[in-house]
Amino acid sequence: MAQNEQQEHEEVGKTAGMFAGMMAGARIGRALPLPLVGPFAGAVAGAVLGSEAGKRLSVAAVKGARAFAESLKDKPEES
């Protein structure tokens, strides 16, 4: 995978992870007894954790998808 292409996949994963983490964190943060502060703190923490997880997982997901697609291209051996 080219360096530029890998960086692009990392940025997409980082953004997707940030939004997913933000939403999940805000939902979890609602459990705190402080109105508005709990969801905000949860959203911030979720965004930080989600962006890092998304950055790492996106590259792994792309590599796995490519390996799977390549395995489908190979012709099965005849017995």
C-alpha atoms as a PDB file:
ATOM      1  CA  MET A   1       0.000   0.000   0.000  1.00  0.00           C
ATOM      2  CA  ALA A   2       1.433   3.371  -0.959  1.00  0.00           C
ATOM      3  CA  GLN A   3       2.261   5.770   1.854  1.00  0.00           C
ATOM      4  CA  ASN A   4      -0.125   8.424   0.539  1.00  0.00           C
ATOM      5  CA  GLU A   5      -2.935   5.897   0.218  1.00  0.00           C
ATOM      6  CA  GLN A   6      -2.319   4.618   3.751  1.00  0.00           C
ATOM      7  CA  GLN A   7      -2.473   8.155   5.138  1.00  0.00           C
ATOM      8  CA  GLU A   8      -5.758   8.695   3.319  1.00  0.00           C
ATOM      9  CA  HIS A   9      -7.237   5.544   4.856  1.00  0.00           C
ATOM     10  CA  GLU A  10      -5.970   6.602   8.290  1.00  0.00           C
ATOM     11  CA  GLU A  11      -7.653  10.013   7.960  1.00  0.00           C
ATOM     12  CA  VAL A  12     -10.971   8.473   6.914  1.00  0.00           C
ATOM     13  CA  GLY A  13     -10.824   5.982   9.783  1.00  0.00           C
ATOM     14  CA  LYS A  14      -9.800   8.701  12.213  1.00  0.00           C
ATOM     15  CA  THR A  15     -12.782  10.863  11.262  1.00  0.00           C
ATOM     16  CA  ALA A  16     -15.256   7.984  11.332  1.00  0.00           C
ATOM     17  CA  GLY A  17     -13.901   6.773  14.653  1.00  0.00           C
ATOM     18  CA  MET A  18     -14.055  10.260  16.105  1.00  0.00           C
ATOM     19  CA  PHE A  19     -17.739  10.674  15.256  1.00  0.00           C
ATOM     20  CA  ALA A  20     -18.655   7.175  16.432  1.00  0.00           C
ATOM     21  CA  GLY A  21     -16.699   7.653  19.655  1.00  0.00           C
ATOM     22  CA  MET A  22     -18.241  11.059  20.204  1.00  0.00           C
ATOM     23  CA  MET A  23     -21.761   9.699  19.905  1.00  0.00           C
ATOM     24  CA  ALA A  24     -21.063   6.674  22.107  1.00  0.00           C
ATOM     25  CA  GLY A  25     -19.196   8.761  24.672  1.00  0.00           C
ATOM     26  CA  ALA A  26     -21.992  11.307  24.929  1.00  0.00           C
ATOM     27  CA  ARG A  27     -24.486   8.541  25.457  1.00  0.00           C
ATOM     28  CA  ILE A  28     -22.362   6.934  28.167  1.00  0.00           C
ATOM     29  CA  GLY A  29     -21.659  10.345  29.713  1.00  0.00           C
ATOM     30  CA  ARG A  30     -25.368  10.845  30.301  1.00  0.00           C
ATOM     31  CA  ALA A  31     -25.001   8.444  33.215  1.00  0.00           C
ATOM     32  CA  LEU A  32     -23.062  11.121  35.125  1.00  0.00           C
ATOM     33  CA  PRO A  33     -25.318  13.144  37.414  1.00  0.00           C
ATOM     34  CA  LEU A  34     -24.183  16.502  35.985  1.00  0.00           C
ATOM     35  CA  PRO A  35     -26.495  17.840  33.249  1.00  0.00           C
ATOM     36  CA  LEU A  36     -24.679  18.785  30.033  1.00  0.00           C
ATOM     37  CA  VAL A  37     -21.261  18.221  31.606  1.00  0.00           C
ATOM     38  CA  GLY A  38     -21.540  14.425  31.550  1.00  0.00           C
ATOM     39  CA  PRO A  39     -22.454  14.116  27.878  1.00  0.00           C
ATOM     40  CA  PHE A  40     -19.873  16.746  26.918  1.00  0.00           C
ATOM     41  CA  ALA A  41     -17.082  15.030  28.853  1.00  0.00           C
ATOM     42  CA  GLY A  42     -18.126  11.667  27.438  1.00  0.00           C
ATOM     43  CA  ALA A  43     -18.183  13.046  23.908  1.00  0.00           C
ATOM     44  CA  VAL A  44     -14.694  14.516  24.253  1.00  0.00           C
ATOM     45  CA  ALA A  45     -13.256  11.316  25.709  1.00  0.00           C
ATOM     46  CA  GLY A  46     -15.073   9.216  23.098  1.00  0.00           C
ATOM     47  CA  ALA A  47     -13.813  11.392  20.257  1.00  0.00           C
ATOM     48  CA  VAL A  48     -10.199  11.054  21.384  1.00  0.00           C
ATOM     49  CA  LEU A  49     -10.400   7.301  21.881  1.00  0.00           C
ATOM     50  CA  GLY A  50     -12.513   6.749  18.774  1.00  0.00           C
ATOM     51  CA  SER A  51     -10.206   8.691  16.478  1.00  0.00           C
ATOM     52  CA  GLU A  52      -7.182   6.651  17.565  1.00  0.00           C
ATOM     53  CA  ALA A  53      -9.074   3.376  17.277  1.00  0.00           C
ATOM     54  CA  GLY A  54     -10.498   4.345  13.897  1.00  0.00           C
ATOM     55  CA  LYS A  55      -7.079   5.306  12.573  1.00  0.00           C
ATOM     56  CA  ARG A  56      -5.625   1.942  13.515  1.00  0.00           C
ATOM     57  CA  LEU A  57      -8.617  -0.178  12.543  1.00  0.00           C
ATOM     58  CA  SER A  58      -9.163   1.432   9.145  1.00  0.00           C
ATOM     59  CA  VAL A  59      -5.739   0.370   7.863  1.00  0.00           C
ATOM     60  CA  ALA A  60      -6.275  -3.173   9.168  1.00  0.00           C
ATOM     61  CA  ALA A  61      -9.751  -3.315   7.617  1.00  0.00           C
ATOM     62  CA  VAL A  62      -8.479  -2.173   4.218  1.00  0.00           C
ATOM     63  CA  LYS A  63      -5.627  -4.688   4.277  1.00  0.00           C
ATOM     64  CA  GLY A  64      -8.024  -7.465   5.273  1.00  0.00           C
ATOM     65  CA  ALA A  65     -10.521  -6.526   2.573  1.00  0.00           C
ATOM     66  CA  ARG A  66      -7.770  -6.493  -0.049  1.00  0.00           C
ATOM     67  CA  ALA A  67      -6.472  -9.898   1.061  1.00  0.00           C
ATOM     68  CA  PHE A  68     -10.007 -11.285   0.908  1.00  0.00           C
ATOM     69  CA  ALA A  69     -10.585  -9.833  -2.564  1.00  0.00           C
ATOM     70  CA  GLU A  70      -7.267 -11.258  -3.760  1.00  0.00           C
ATOM     71  CA  SER A  71      -8.181 -14.694  -2.433  1.00  0.00           C
ATOM     72  CA  LEU A  72     -11.390 -14.586  -4.476  1.00  0.00           C
ATOM     73  CA  LYS A  73      -9.434 -13.813  -7.629  1.00  0.00           C
ATOM     74  CA  ASP A  74      -7.255 -16.915  -7.330  1.00  0.00           C
ATOM     75  CA  LYS A  75      -8.596 -19.904  -9.193  1.00  0.00           C
ATOM     76  CA  PRO A  76      -9.157 -22.975  -7.058  1.00  0.00           C
ATOM     77  CA  GLU A  77      -6.808 -25.861  -7.669  1.00  0.00           C
ATOM     78  CA  GLU A  78      -8.306 -28.787  -9.527  1.00  0.00           C
ATOM     79  CA  SER A  79      -7.843 -32.248  -8.036  1.00  0.00           C
END
